PDB file of N, CA and C in Angstrom:
ATOM      1  N   UNK A   1     -28.655 -25.703 -39.020  1.00  0.00           N
ATOM      2  CA  UNK A   1     -28.238 -26.432 -37.846  1.00  0.00           C
ATOM      3  C   UNK A   1     -28.483 -25.572 -36.610  1.00  0.00           C
ATOM      4  N   UNK A   2     -29.065 -26.133 -35.594  1.00  0.00           N
ATOM      5  CA  UNK A   2     -29.347 -25.446 -34.347  1.00  0.00           C
ATOM      6  C   UNK A   2     -28.242 -25.714 -33.331  1.00  0.00           C
ATOM      7  N   UNK A   3     -28.003 -24.686 -32.516  1.00  0.00           N
ATOM      8  CA  UNK A   3     -27.000 -24.830 -31.471  1.00  0.00           C
ATOM      9  C   UNK A   3     -27.633 -24.451 -30.140  1.00  0.00           C
ATOM     10  N   UNK A   4     -27.472 -25.294 -29.147  1.00  0.00           N
ATOM     11  CA  UNK A   4     -28.054 -25.049 -27.835  1.00  0.00           C
ATOM     12  C   UNK A   4     -26.960 -24.608 -26.869  1.00  0.00           C
ATOM     13  N   UNK A   5     -27.273 -23.567 -26.096  1.00  0.00           N
ATOM     14  CA  UNK A   5     -26.332 -23.049 -25.106  1.00  0.00           C
ATOM     15  C   UNK A   5     -27.036 -23.004 -23.762  1.00  0.00           C
ATOM     16  N   UNK A   6     -26.330 -23.367 -22.740  1.00  0.00           N
ATOM     17  CA  UNK A   6     -26.893 -23.358 -21.392  1.00  0.00           C
ATOM     18  C   UNK A   6     -27.064 -21.922 -20.907  1.00  0.00           C
ATOM     19  N   UNK A   7     -28.262 -21.593 -20.461  1.00  0.00           N
ATOM     20  CA  UNK A   7     -28.540 -20.251 -19.942  1.00  0.00           C
ATOM     21  C   UNK A   7     -27.856 -20.059 -18.590  1.00  0.00           C
ATOM     22  N   UNK A   8     -27.832 -21.086 -17.785  1.00  0.00           N
ATOM     23  CA  UNK A   8     -27.248 -20.987 -16.456  1.00  0.00           C
ATOM     24  C   UNK A   8     -25.765 -20.666 -16.492  1.00  0.00           C
ATOM     25  N   UNK A   9     -25.100 -21.082 -17.522  1.00  0.00           N
ATOM     26  CA  UNK A   9     -23.663 -20.852 -17.624  1.00  0.00           C
ATOM     27  C   UNK A   9     -23.352 -19.361 -17.655  1.00  0.00           C
ATOM     28  N   UNK A  10     -24.083 -18.598 -18.434  1.00  0.00           N
ATOM     29  CA  UNK A  10     -23.818 -17.162 -18.528  1.00  0.00           C
ATOM     30  C   UNK A  10     -24.198 -16.435 -17.233  1.00  0.00           C
ATOM     31  N   UNK A  11     -25.258 -16.867 -16.572  1.00  0.00           N
ATOM     32  CA  UNK A  11     -25.651 -16.237 -15.312  1.00  0.00           C
ATOM     33  C   UNK A  11     -24.606 -16.487 -14.231  1.00  0.00           C
ATOM     34  N   UNK A  12     -24.030 -17.665 -14.206  1.00  0.00           N
ATOM     35  CA  UNK A  12     -23.014 -17.996 -13.209  1.00  0.00           C
ATOM     36  C   UNK A  12     -21.800 -17.090 -13.384  1.00  0.00           C
ATOM     37  N   UNK A  13     -21.412 -16.834 -14.598  1.00  0.00           N
ATOM     38  CA  UNK A  13     -20.261 -15.977 -14.872  1.00  0.00           C
ATOM     39  C   UNK A  13     -20.519 -14.559 -14.382  1.00  0.00           C
ATOM     40  N   UNK A  14     -21.716 -14.044 -14.609  1.00  0.00           N
ATOM     41  CA  UNK A  14     -22.073 -12.703 -14.145  1.00  0.00           C
ATOM     42  C   UNK A  14     -22.051 -12.631 -12.620  1.00  0.00           C
ATOM     43  N   UNK A  15     -22.531 -13.656 -11.948  1.00  0.00           N
ATOM     44  CA  UNK A  15     -22.535 -13.679 -10.488  1.00  0.00           C
ATOM     45  C   UNK A  15     -21.115 -13.677  -9.943  1.00  0.00           C
ATOM     46  N   UNK A  16     -20.221 -14.429 -10.583  1.00  0.00           N
ATOM     47  CA  UNK A  16     -18.828 -14.461 -10.142  1.00  0.00           C
ATOM     48  C   UNK A  16     -18.171 -13.091 -10.284  1.00  0.00           C
ATOM     49  N   UNK A  17     -18.474 -12.395 -11.370  1.00  0.00           N
ATOM     50  CA  UNK A  17     -17.912 -11.065 -11.582  1.00  0.00           C
ATOM     51  C   UNK A  17     -18.422 -10.087 -10.526  1.00  0.00           C
ATOM     52  N   UNK A  18     -19.697 -10.188 -10.165  1.00  0.00           N
ATOM     53  CA  UNK A  18     -20.279  -9.315  -9.153  1.00  0.00           C
ATOM     54  C   UNK A  18     -19.653  -9.571  -7.781  1.00  0.00           C
ATOM     55  N   UNK A  19     -19.322 -10.815  -7.472  1.00  0.00           N
ATOM     56  CA  UNK A  19     -18.716 -11.144  -6.189  1.00  0.00           C
ATOM     57  C   UNK A  19     -17.315 -10.554  -6.070  1.00  0.00           C
ATOM     58  N   UNK A  20     -16.611 -10.415  -7.190  1.00  0.00           N
ATOM     59  CA  UNK A  20     -15.254  -9.892  -7.179  1.00  0.00           C
ATOM     60  C   UNK A  20     -15.216  -8.383  -6.992  1.00  0.00           C
ATOM     61  N   UNK A  21     -16.286  -7.699  -7.313  1.00  0.00           N
ATOM     62  CA  UNK A  21     -16.331  -6.256  -7.155  1.00  0.00           C
ATOM     63  C   UNK A  21     -16.589  -5.900  -5.696  1.00  0.00           C
ATOM     64  N   UNK A  22     -15.948  -4.809  -5.254  1.00  0.00           N
ATOM     65  CA  UNK A  22     -16.229  -4.356  -3.902  1.00  0.00           C
ATOM     66  C   UNK A  22     -17.416  -3.409  -3.941  1.00  0.00           C
ATOM     67  N   UNK A  23     -18.093  -3.320  -2.848  1.00  0.00           N
ATOM     68  CA  UNK A  23     -19.268  -2.455  -2.793  1.00  0.00           C
ATOM     69  C   UNK A  23     -18.830  -1.002  -2.630  1.00  0.00           C
ATOM     70  N   UNK A  24     -19.754  -0.110  -2.863  1.00  0.00           N
ATOM     71  CA  UNK A  24     -19.488   1.316  -2.713  1.00  0.00           C
ATOM     72  C   UNK A  24     -19.099   1.635  -1.273  1.00  0.00           C
ATOM     73  N   UNK A  25     -19.758   1.009  -0.314  1.00  0.00           N
ATOM     74  CA  UNK A  25     -19.473   1.252   1.094  1.00  0.00           C
ATOM     75  C   UNK A  25     -18.061   0.799   1.458  1.00  0.00           C
ATOM     76  N   UNK A  26     -17.647  -0.355   0.930  1.00  0.00           N
ATOM     77  CA  UNK A  26     -16.295  -0.842   1.174  1.00  0.00           C
ATOM     78  C   UNK A  26     -15.271   0.108   0.557  1.00  0.00           C
ATOM     79  N   UNK A  27     -15.565   0.591  -0.643  1.00  0.00           N
ATOM     80  CA  UNK A  27     -14.666   1.509  -1.316  1.00  0.00           C
ATOM     81  C   UNK A  27     -14.538   2.807  -0.512  1.00  0.00           C
ATOM     82  N   UNK A  28     -15.653   3.311  -0.006  1.00  0.00           N
ATOM     83  CA  UNK A  28     -15.616   4.527   0.799  1.00  0.00           C
ATOM     84  C   UNK A  28     -14.765   4.327   2.050  1.00  0.00           C
ATOM     85  N   UNK A  29     -14.910   3.185   2.706  1.00  0.00           N
ATOM     86  CA  UNK A  29     -14.141   2.915   3.922  1.00  0.00           C
ATOM     87  C   UNK A  29     -12.642   2.884   3.618  1.00  0.00           C
ATOM     88  N   UNK A  30     -12.270   2.263   2.516  1.00  0.00           N
ATOM     89  CA  UNK A  30     -10.858   2.195   2.120  1.00  0.00           C
ATOM     90  C   UNK A  30     -10.320   3.592   1.825  1.00  0.00           C
ATOM     91  N   UNK A  31     -11.098   4.391   1.118  1.00  0.00           N
ATOM     92  CA  UNK A  31     -10.648   5.734   0.759  1.00  0.00           C
ATOM     93  C   UNK A  31     -10.592   6.661   1.967  1.00  0.00           C
ATOM     94  N   UNK A  32     -11.526   6.509   2.877  1.00  0.00           N
ATOM     95  CA  UNK A  32     -11.487   7.309   4.109  1.00  0.00           C
ATOM     96  C   UNK A  32     -10.226   6.968   4.895  1.00  0.00           C
ATOM     97  N   UNK A  33      -9.891   5.698   4.957  1.00  0.00           N
ATOM     98  CA  UNK A  33      -8.674   5.276   5.659  1.00  0.00           C
ATOM     99  C   UNK A  33      -7.439   5.879   4.989  1.00  0.00           C
ATOM    100  N   UNK A  34      -7.364   5.816   3.662  1.00  0.00           N
ATOM    101  CA  UNK A  34      -6.224   6.396   2.937  1.00  0.00           C
ATOM    102  C   UNK A  34      -6.145   7.901   3.160  1.00  0.00           C
ATOM    103  N   UNK A  35      -7.293   8.562   3.125  1.00  0.00           N
ATOM    104  CA  UNK A  35      -7.318  10.008   3.333  1.00  0.00           C
ATOM    105  C   UNK A  35      -6.841  10.358   4.745  1.00  0.00           C
ATOM    106  N   UNK A  36      -7.332   9.633   5.751  1.00  0.00           N
ATOM    107  CA  UNK A  36      -6.925   9.889   7.134  1.00  0.00           C
ATOM    108  C   UNK A  36      -5.435   9.626   7.341  1.00  0.00           C
ATOM    109  N   UNK A  37      -4.915   8.578   6.706  1.00  0.00           N
ATOM    110  CA  UNK A  37      -3.481   8.308   6.783  1.00  0.00           C
ATOM    111  C   UNK A  37      -2.694   9.442   6.130  1.00  0.00           C
ATOM    112  N   UNK A  38      -3.208   9.951   5.019  1.00  0.00           N
ATOM    113  CA  UNK A  38      -2.565  11.090   4.364  1.00  0.00           C
ATOM    114  C   UNK A  38      -2.530  12.310   5.260  1.00  0.00           C
ATOM    115  N   UNK A  39      -3.639  12.581   5.944  1.00  0.00           N
ATOM    116  CA  UNK A  39      -3.683  13.703   6.888  1.00  0.00           C
ATOM    117  C   UNK A  39      -2.670  13.526   8.013  1.00  0.00           C
ATOM    118  N   UNK A  40      -2.602  12.328   8.547  1.00  0.00           N
ATOM    119  CA  UNK A  40      -1.683  12.047   9.640  1.00  0.00           C
ATOM    120  C   UNK A  40      -0.229  12.239   9.196  1.00  0.00           C
ATOM    121  N   UNK A  41       0.096  11.705   8.025  1.00  0.00           N
ATOM    122  CA  UNK A  41       1.455  11.849   7.493  1.00  0.00           C
ATOM    123  C   UNK A  41       1.766  13.315   7.183  1.00  0.00           C
ATOM    124  N   UNK A  42       0.783  14.024   6.685  1.00  0.00           N
ATOM    125  CA  UNK A  42       0.946  15.443   6.380  1.00  0.00           C
ATOM    126  C   UNK A  42       1.251  16.222   7.661  1.00  0.00           C
ATOM    127  N   UNK A  43       0.507  15.942   8.727  1.00  0.00           N
ATOM    128  CA  UNK A  43       0.744  16.611  10.012  1.00  0.00           C
ATOM    129  C   UNK A  43       2.115  16.274  10.592  1.00  0.00           C
ATOM    130  N   UNK A  44       2.590  15.048  10.329  1.00  0.00           N
ATOM    131  CA  UNK A  44       3.900  14.626  10.815  1.00  0.00           C
ATOM    132  C   UNK A  44       5.033  15.073   9.886  1.00  0.00           C
ATOM    133  N   UNK A  45       4.689  15.835   8.856  1.00  0.00           N
ATOM    134  CA  UNK A  45       5.631  16.347   7.859  1.00  0.00           C
ATOM    135  C   UNK A  45       6.335  15.233   7.088  1.00  0.00           C
ATOM    136  N   UNK A  46       5.661  14.111   6.946  1.00  0.00           N
ATOM    137  CA  UNK A  46       6.149  13.013   6.114  1.00  0.00           C
ATOM    138  C   UNK A  46       5.445  13.141   4.764  1.00  0.00           C
ATOM    139  N   UNK A  47       5.965  14.069   3.960  1.00  0.00           N
ATOM    140  CA  UNK A  47       5.268  14.497   2.757  1.00  0.00           C
ATOM    141  C   UNK A  47       5.147  13.408   1.692  1.00  0.00           C
ATOM    142  N   UNK A  48       6.144  12.570   1.540  1.00  0.00           N
ATOM    143  CA  UNK A  48       6.083  11.537   0.490  1.00  0.00           C
ATOM    144  C   UNK A  48       4.933  10.559   0.739  1.00  0.00           C
ATOM    145  N   UNK A  49       4.798  10.109   1.968  1.00  0.00           N
ATOM    146  CA  UNK A  49       3.714   9.174   2.295  1.00  0.00           C
ATOM    147  C   UNK A  49       2.354   9.865   2.219  1.00  0.00           C
ATOM    148  N   UNK A  50       2.304  11.130   2.592  1.00  0.00           N
ATOM    149  CA  UNK A  50       1.050  11.876   2.482  1.00  0.00           C
ATOM    150  C   UNK A  50       0.623  11.978   1.021  1.00  0.00           C
ATOM    151  N   UNK A  51       1.574  12.283   0.143  1.00  0.00           N
ATOM    152  CA  UNK A  51       1.278  12.384  -1.295  1.00  0.00           C
ATOM    153  C   UNK A  51       0.768  11.046  -1.818  1.00  0.00           C
ATOM    154  N   UNK A  52       1.395   9.947  -1.411  1.00  0.00           N
ATOM    155  CA  UNK A  52       0.951   8.614  -1.844  1.00  0.00           C
ATOM    156  C   UNK A  52      -0.497   8.356  -1.436  1.00  0.00           C
ATOM    157  N   UNK A  53      -0.827   8.666  -0.197  1.00  0.00           N
ATOM    158  CA  UNK A  53      -2.188   8.405   0.292  1.00  0.00           C
ATOM    159  C   UNK A  53      -3.220   9.297  -0.389  1.00  0.00           C
ATOM    160  N   UNK A  54      -2.901  10.564  -0.572  1.00  0.00           N
ATOM    161  CA  UNK A  54      -3.828  11.449  -1.280  1.00  0.00           C
ATOM    162  C   UNK A  54      -4.031  10.978  -2.721  1.00  0.00           C
ATOM    163  N   UNK A  55      -2.948  10.528  -3.356  1.00  0.00           N
ATOM    164  CA  UNK A  55      -3.062  10.044  -4.737  1.00  0.00           C
ATOM    165  C   UNK A  55      -3.890   8.773  -4.838  1.00  0.00           C
ATOM    166  N   UNK A  56      -3.853   7.931  -3.803  1.00  0.00           N
ATOM    167  CA  UNK A  56      -4.710   6.736  -3.792  1.00  0.00           C
ATOM    168  C   UNK A  56      -6.177   7.141  -3.900  1.00  0.00           C
ATOM    169  N   UNK A  57      -6.528   8.175  -3.165  1.00  0.00           N
ATOM    170  CA  UNK A  57      -7.915   8.653  -3.189  1.00  0.00           C
ATOM    171  C   UNK A  57      -8.255   9.189  -4.582  1.00  0.00           C
ATOM    172  N   UNK A  58      -7.341   9.938  -5.166  1.00  0.00           N
ATOM    173  CA  UNK A  58      -7.613  10.567  -6.462  1.00  0.00           C
ATOM    174  C   UNK A  58      -7.623   9.570  -7.613  1.00  0.00           C
ATOM    175  N   UNK A  59      -6.869   8.498  -7.511  1.00  0.00           N
ATOM    176  CA  UNK A  59      -6.739   7.544  -8.613  1.00  0.00           C
ATOM    177  C   UNK A  59      -7.801   6.452  -8.607  1.00  0.00           C
ATOM    178  N   UNK A  60      -8.546   6.331  -7.552  1.00  0.00           N
ATOM    179  CA  UNK A  60      -9.542   5.271  -7.440  1.00  0.00           C
ATOM    180  C   UNK A  60     -10.756   5.577  -8.301  1.00  0.00           C
ATOM    181  N   UNK A  61     -11.210   4.565  -9.033  1.00  0.00           N
ATOM    182  CA  UNK A  61     -12.415   4.726  -9.837  1.00  0.00           C
ATOM    183  C   UNK A  61     -13.626   4.694  -8.923  1.00  0.00           C
ATOM    184  N   UNK A  62     -14.584   5.519  -9.257  1.00  0.00           N
ATOM    185  CA  UNK A  62     -15.784   5.627  -8.428  1.00  0.00           C
ATOM    186  C   UNK A  62     -16.790   4.559  -8.829  1.00  0.00           C
ATOM    187  N   UNK A  63     -17.276   3.836  -7.829  1.00  0.00           N
ATOM    188  CA  UNK A  63     -18.376   2.890  -8.040  1.00  0.00           C
ATOM    189  C   UNK A  63     -19.640   3.598  -7.582  1.00  0.00           C
ATOM    190  N   UNK A  64     -20.423   4.051  -8.534  1.00  0.00           N
ATOM    191  CA  UNK A  64     -21.624   4.797  -8.167  1.00  0.00           C
ATOM    192  C   UNK A  64     -22.578   4.822  -9.350  1.00  0.00           C
ATOM    193  N   UNK A  65     -23.835   4.717  -9.063  1.00  0.00           N
ATOM    194  CA  UNK A  65     -24.846   4.861 -10.098  1.00  0.00           C
ATOM    195  C   UNK A  65     -25.109   6.343 -10.292  1.00  0.00           C
ATOM    196  N   UNK A  66     -24.972   6.806 -11.506  1.00  0.00           N
ATOM    197  CA  UNK A  66     -25.149   8.229 -11.766  1.00  0.00           C
ATOM    198  C   UNK A  66     -26.575   8.687 -11.496  1.00  0.00           C
ATOM    199  N   UNK A  67     -27.521   7.840 -11.744  1.00  0.00           N
ATOM    200  CA  UNK A  67     -28.914   8.243 -11.527  1.00  0.00           C
ATOM    201  C   UNK A  67     -29.171   8.527 -10.045  1.00  0.00           C
ATOM    202  N   UNK A  68     -28.516   7.787  -9.164  1.00  0.00           N
ATOM    203  CA  UNK A  68     -28.671   7.999  -7.726  1.00  0.00           C
ATOM    204  C   UNK A  68     -28.164   9.381  -7.337  1.00  0.00           C
ATOM    205  N   UNK A  69     -27.016   9.775  -7.843  1.00  0.00           N
ATOM    206  CA  UNK A  69     -26.451  11.087  -7.527  1.00  0.00           C
ATOM    207  C   UNK A  69     -27.325  12.190  -8.108  1.00  0.00           C
ATOM    208  N   UNK A  70     -27.824  11.990  -9.305  1.00  0.00           N
ATOM    209  CA  UNK A  70     -28.663  13.005  -9.932  1.00  0.00           C
ATOM    210  C   UNK A  70     -29.945  13.238  -9.134  1.00  0.00           C
ATOM    211  N   UNK A  71     -30.463  12.189  -8.528  1.00  0.00           N
ATOM    212  CA  UNK A  71     -31.682  12.334  -7.748  1.00  0.00           C
ATOM    213  C   UNK A  71     -31.429  13.140  -6.478  1.00  0.00           C
ATOM    214  N   UNK A  72     -30.313  12.889  -5.824  1.00  0.00           N
ATOM    215  CA  UNK A  72     -30.024  13.557  -4.556  1.00  0.00           C
ATOM    216  C   UNK A  72     -29.451  14.950  -4.744  1.00  0.00           C
ATOM    217  N   UNK A  73     -28.775  15.199  -5.845  1.00  0.00           N
ATOM    218  CA  UNK A  73     -28.154  16.496  -6.148  1.00  0.00           C
ATOM    219  C   UNK A  73     -27.164  16.919  -5.076  1.00  0.00           C
ATOM    220  N   UNK A  74     -26.555  15.958  -4.410  1.00  0.00           N
ATOM    221  CA  UNK A  74     -25.502  16.290  -3.467  1.00  0.00           C
ATOM    222  C   UNK A  74     -24.299  15.398  -3.766  1.00  0.00           C
ATOM    223  N   UNK A  75     -23.144  15.848  -3.332  1.00  0.00           N
ATOM    224  CA  UNK A  75     -21.927  15.114  -3.629  1.00  0.00           C
ATOM    225  C   UNK A  75     -21.816  13.877  -2.746  1.00  0.00           C
ATOM    226  N   UNK A  76     -21.230  12.834  -3.320  1.00  0.00           N
ATOM    227  CA  UNK A  76     -21.018  11.611  -2.562  1.00  0.00           C
ATOM    228  C   UNK A  76     -19.783  11.766  -1.677  1.00  0.00           C
ATOM    229  N   UNK A  77     -19.631  10.855  -0.757  1.00  0.00           N
ATOM    230  CA  UNK A  77     -18.479  10.854   0.140  1.00  0.00           C
ATOM    231  C   UNK A  77     -17.183  10.778  -0.656  1.00  0.00           C
ATOM    232  N   UNK A  78     -17.170   9.970  -1.687  1.00  0.00           N
ATOM    233  CA  UNK A  78     -15.963   9.799  -2.492  1.00  0.00           C
ATOM    234  C   UNK A  78     -15.606  11.086  -3.217  1.00  0.00           C
ATOM    235  N   UNK A  79     -16.596  11.771  -3.745  1.00  0.00           N
ATOM    236  CA  UNK A  79     -16.330  13.037  -4.422  1.00  0.00           C
ATOM    237  C   UNK A  79     -15.782  14.079  -3.449  1.00  0.00           C
ATOM    238  N   UNK A  80     -16.314  14.115  -2.245  1.00  0.00           N
ATOM    239  CA  UNK A  80     -15.832  15.052  -1.227  1.00  0.00           C
ATOM    240  C   UNK A  80     -14.391  14.716  -0.853  1.00  0.00           C
ATOM    241  N   UNK A  81     -14.084  13.422  -0.684  1.00  0.00           N
ATOM    242  CA  UNK A  81     -12.714  13.016  -0.366  1.00  0.00           C
ATOM    243  C   UNK A  81     -11.746  13.425  -1.465  1.00  0.00           C
ATOM    244  N   UNK A  82     -12.183  13.326  -2.710  1.00  0.00           N
ATOM    245  CA  UNK A  82     -11.322  13.729  -3.821  1.00  0.00           C
ATOM    246  C   UNK A  82     -11.020  15.226  -3.777  1.00  0.00           C
ATOM    247  N   UNK A  83     -12.037  16.022  -3.546  1.00  0.00           N
ATOM    248  CA  UNK A  83     -11.841  17.473  -3.482  1.00  0.00           C
ATOM    249  C   UNK A  83     -10.909  17.825  -2.326  1.00  0.00           C
ATOM    250  N   UNK A  84     -11.122  17.219  -1.163  1.00  0.00           N
ATOM    251  CA  UNK A  84     -10.277  17.486  -0.005  1.00  0.00           C
ATOM    252  C   UNK A  84      -8.841  17.027  -0.243  1.00  0.00           C
ATOM    253  N   UNK A  85      -8.674  15.896  -0.935  1.00  0.00           N
ATOM    254  CA  UNK A  85      -7.330  15.410  -1.247  1.00  0.00           C
ATOM    255  C   UNK A  85      -6.606  16.380  -2.175  1.00  0.00           C
ATOM    256  N   UNK A  86      -7.321  16.878  -3.185  1.00  0.00           N
ATOM    257  CA  UNK A  86      -6.713  17.856  -4.091  1.00  0.00           C
ATOM    258  C   UNK A  86      -6.306  19.114  -3.336  1.00  0.00           C
ATOM    259  N   UNK A  87      -7.164  19.571  -2.460  1.00  0.00           N
ATOM    260  CA  UNK A  87      -6.882  20.766  -1.669  1.00  0.00           C
ATOM    261  C   UNK A  87      -5.660  20.550  -0.772  1.00  0.00           C
ATOM    262  N   UNK A  88      -5.616  19.408  -0.089  1.00  0.00           N
ATOM    263  CA  UNK A  88      -4.490  19.112   0.787  1.00  0.00           C
ATOM    264  C   UNK A  88      -3.186  18.932   0.012  1.00  0.00           C
ATOM    265  N   UNK A  89      -3.266  18.348  -1.183  1.00  0.00           N
ATOM    266  CA  UNK A  89      -2.071  18.235  -2.014  1.00  0.00           C
ATOM    267  C   UNK A  89      -1.548  19.614  -2.400  1.00  0.00           C
ATOM    268  N   UNK A  90      -2.439  20.524  -2.703  1.00  0.00           N
ATOM    269  CA  UNK A  90      -2.022  21.886  -3.055  1.00  0.00           C
ATOM    270  C   UNK A  90      -1.314  22.545  -1.867  1.00  0.00           C
ATOM    271  N   UNK A  91      -1.876  22.418  -0.669  1.00  0.00           N
ATOM    272  CA  UNK A  91      -1.226  22.962   0.526  1.00  0.00           C
ATOM    273  C   UNK A  91       0.119  22.290   0.783  1.00  0.00           C
ATOM    274  N   UNK A  92       0.152  20.981   0.577  1.00  0.00           N
ATOM    275  CA  UNK A  92       1.376  20.229   0.809  1.00  0.00           C
ATOM    276  C   UNK A  92       2.488  20.700  -0.124  1.00  0.00           C
ATOM    277  N   UNK A  93       2.185  20.836  -1.417  1.00  0.00           N
ATOM    278  CA  UNK A  93       3.192  21.291  -2.378  1.00  0.00           C
ATOM    279  C   UNK A  93       3.632  22.724  -2.076  1.00  0.00           C
ATOM    280  N   UNK A  94       2.719  23.529  -1.576  1.00  0.00           N
ATOM    281  CA  UNK A  94       3.066  24.897  -1.186  1.00  0.00           C
ATOM    282  C   UNK A  94       4.041  24.884  -0.001  1.00  0.00           C
ATOM    283  N   UNK A  95       3.797  23.994   0.963  1.00  0.00           N
ATOM    284  CA  UNK A  95       4.695  23.867   2.104  1.00  0.00           C
ATOM    285  C   UNK A  95       6.075  23.399   1.669  1.00  0.00           C
ATOM    286  N   UNK A  96       6.112  22.452   0.741  1.00  0.00           N
ATOM    287  CA  UNK A  96       7.392  21.933   0.244  1.00  0.00           C
ATOM    288  C   UNK A  96       8.183  23.059  -0.425  1.00  0.00           C
ATOM    289  N   UNK A  97       7.515  23.912  -1.202  1.00  0.00           N
ATOM    290  CA  UNK A  97       8.199  25.010  -1.879  1.00  0.00           C
ATOM    291  C   UNK A  97       8.707  26.045  -0.871  1.00  0.00           C
ATOM    292  N   UNK A  98       7.921  26.313   0.152  1.00  0.00           N
ATOM    293  CA  UNK A  98       8.306  27.312   1.134  1.00  0.00           C
ATOM    294  C   UNK A  98       9.460  26.865   2.016  1.00  0.00           C
ATOM    295  N   UNK A  99       9.394  25.616   2.476  1.00  0.00           N
ATOM    296  CA  UNK A  99      10.367  25.142   3.461  1.00  0.00           C
ATOM    297  C   UNK A  99      11.444  24.247   2.860  1.00  0.00           C
ATOM    298  N   UNK A 100      11.288  23.963   1.561  1.00  0.00           N
ATOM    299  CA  UNK A 100      12.274  23.202   0.809  1.00  0.00           C
ATOM    300  C   UNK A 100      12.599  21.907   1.402  1.00  0.00           C
TER     301      UNK A 100
END
């Protein structure tokens, strides 16, 4: 017995999934905003909100093609934001320990 399946049906589902994903550029803009808010809160000594914003940057999954990064051999904006967030969190926790 033969079974026929519509090809267009599967393509439509893939297109819908792609529309729901945010682009790399949108993700970078969101993370830059979170990082900048973290810096601002850190400068204002509002440590809890700074920690939240830095953690947003660290917890976000990266949307990136690995082959693209391998070709350029340089770090992406998101990777740099992650490193800076980790560094700032370390300074922040050090300040909390010093000034209690």
